[in-house]
Protein backbone atom coordinates (compact mmCIF):
# COMPACT_ATOMS: atom_id res chain seq x y z
CA UNK A 1 -251.53 45.82 4.08
CA UNK A 2 -247.80 45.54 5.24
CA UNK A 3 -246.27 42.07 6.39
CA UNK A 4 -244.36 41.74 9.92
CA UNK A 5 -242.80 39.33 11.66
CA UNK A 6 -240.98 41.38 14.46
CA UNK A 7 -241.75 44.50 16.60
CA UNK A 8 -239.19 46.21 18.54
CA UNK A 9 -239.93 48.87 21.34
CA UNK A 10 -237.58 51.31 22.66
CA UNK A 11 -238.43 52.76 25.80
CA UNK A 12 -237.43 56.41 26.12
CA UNK A 13 -239.88 57.20 28.69
CA UNK A 14 -239.50 57.68 32.42
CA UNK A 15 -241.43 54.25 33.22
CA UNK A 16 -241.71 50.93 33.04
CA UNK A 17 -243.20 49.49 29.43
CA UNK A 18 -244.29 46.16 28.13
CA UNK A 19 -244.66 44.90 24.91
CA UNK A 20 -248.40 43.60 24.25
CA UNK A 21 -249.28 42.49 20.74
CA UNK A 22 -253.10 42.74 19.89
CA UNK A 23 -254.48 40.39 17.10
CA UNK A 24 -257.26 39.34 14.96
CA UNK A 25 -257.00 36.25 13.47
CA UNK A 26 -257.83 35.49 9.85
CA UNK A 27 -260.92 34.16 8.40
CA UNK A 28 -261.65 32.94 4.61
CA UNK A 29 -265.15 32.01 3.51
CA UNK A 30 -266.03 29.55 0.98
CA UNK A 31 -265.52 32.12 -1.99
CA UNK A 32 -261.73 32.96 -0.82
CA UNK A 33 -262.59 36.26 0.66
CA UNK A 34 -260.57 37.22 3.60
CA UNK A 35 -261.50 39.21 6.54
CA UNK A 36 -260.76 39.46 10.43
CA UNK A 37 -262.01 38.61 13.50
CA UNK A 38 -264.09 41.57 14.96
CA UNK A 39 -262.49 41.80 18.49
CA UNK A 40 -258.79 42.22 19.29
CA UNK A 41 -257.33 39.56 21.21
CA UNK A 42 -254.05 40.19 23.57
CA UNK A 43 -250.70 38.27 23.74
CA UNK A 44 -247.64 39.21 25.91
CA UNK A 45 -244.41 37.58 26.43
CA UNK A 46 -244.16 35.09 29.47
CA UNK A 47 -241.67 35.51 32.10
CA UNK A 48 -239.70 38.70 32.55
CA UNK A 49 -241.12 41.35 30.16
CA UNK A 50 -240.33 44.75 31.67
CA UNK A 51 -238.71 47.45 29.65
CA UNK A 52 -236.79 49.97 31.75
CA UNK A 53 -236.06 53.33 30.58
CA UNK A 54 -233.36 53.46 28.03
CA UNK A 55 -233.74 50.00 27.03
CA UNK A 56 -235.11 48.00 24.03
CA UNK A 57 -236.73 44.92 23.32
CA UNK A 58 -237.39 42.73 20.16
CA UNK A 59 -240.37 40.29 19.85
CA UNK A 60 -240.09 37.53 17.03
CA UNK A 61 -243.85 36.67 16.49
CA UNK A 62 -242.62 33.17 14.91
CA UNK A 63 -240.54 31.87 17.76
CA UNK A 64 -242.17 33.87 20.66
CA UNK A 65 -245.74 33.84 20.32
CA UNK A 66 -248.65 31.40 19.26
CA UNK A 67 -250.30 33.81 17.20
CA UNK A 68 -251.51 32.16 13.92
CA UNK A 69 -249.73 33.15 10.59
CA UNK A 70 -251.82 35.42 8.72
CA UNK A 71 -253.31 37.49 11.66
CA UNK A 72 -253.85 41.13 11.72
CA UNK A 73 -251.36 42.29 14.54
CA UNK A 74 -250.52 45.85 16.16
CA UNK A 75 -248.08 46.72 19.19
CA UNK A 76 -249.95 47.91 22.38
CA UNK A 77 -247.30 49.32 24.91
CA UNK A 78 -248.47 48.65 28.57
CA UNK A 79 -247.02 51.50 30.73
CA UNK A 80 -247.06 50.37 34.47
CA UNK A 81 -249.59 52.70 36.53
CA UNK A 82 -249.86 54.79 33.71
CA UNK A 83 -252.02 55.12 30.13
CA UNK A 84 -251.45 53.56 26.83
CA UNK A 85 -253.00 52.90 23.68
CA UNK A 86 -252.30 50.49 20.69
CA UNK A 87 -250.45 52.04 17.96
CA UNK A 88 -252.35 52.97 14.85
CA UNK A 89 -250.58 51.04 12.50
CA UNK A 90 -251.94 47.62 11.44
CA UNK A 91 -249.67 44.88 9.74
CA UNK A 92 -250.35 41.13 8.80
CA UNK A 93 -248.24 38.82 10.59
CA UNK A 94 -246.41 36.44 8.08
CA UNK A 95 -244.11 33.91 9.31
CA UNK A 96 -241.84 33.94 6.29
CA UNK A 97 -241.35 37.98 6.57
CA UNK A 98 -238.12 39.61 7.62
CA UNK A 99 -239.76 42.96 8.22
CA UNK A 100 -239.78 44.64 11.62
CA UNK A 101 -241.56 47.43 13.14
CA UNK A 102 -239.68 49.45 15.43
CA UNK A 103 -241.57 51.85 17.78
CA UNK A 104 -240.16 54.19 20.58
CA UNK A 105 -241.98 55.37 23.33
CA UNK A 106 -241.37 58.56 25.53
CA UNK A 107 -242.99 60.96 27.89
CA UNK A 108 -244.37 60.10 31.32
CA UNK A 109 -246.50 57.41 32.82
CA UNK A 110 -249.44 59.59 32.41
CA UNK A 111 -248.97 61.41 29.30
CA UNK A 112 -246.75 59.03 27.01
CA UNK A 113 -246.47 58.95 23.06
CA UNK A 114 -246.07 55.72 21.08
CA UNK A 115 -244.30 56.46 17.74
CA UNK A 116 -243.28 54.07 14.71
CA UNK A 117 -239.56 54.72 14.12
CA UNK A 118 -239.21 52.90 11.11
CA UNK A 119 -240.75 49.74 8.98
CA UNK A 120 -238.06 47.50 7.16
């Protein structure tokens, strides 16, 4: 699974969006085998977090979030008064990574599409 430290969202839709990061903390057993919690937890930035149409925002998991290093993470975009689903791509958060997953959301409040533009 690829590592990531940054998530970027470009809002090309006709609505207000907010970045939500879903994560599952890493667990290591006494044999050193790694697994992740069964349930996803949600985290979002504090304060003003609206991303208006044609705007973008980047989240740095190291400096912006309390998510533990090594957690499995994915972006879930909240669409105000609309529908939203988490992205299908999952990553491992690595605080030493320089990698970013950039997404675009387009469409309307009730019919929108979240797409991975690039991972670098």
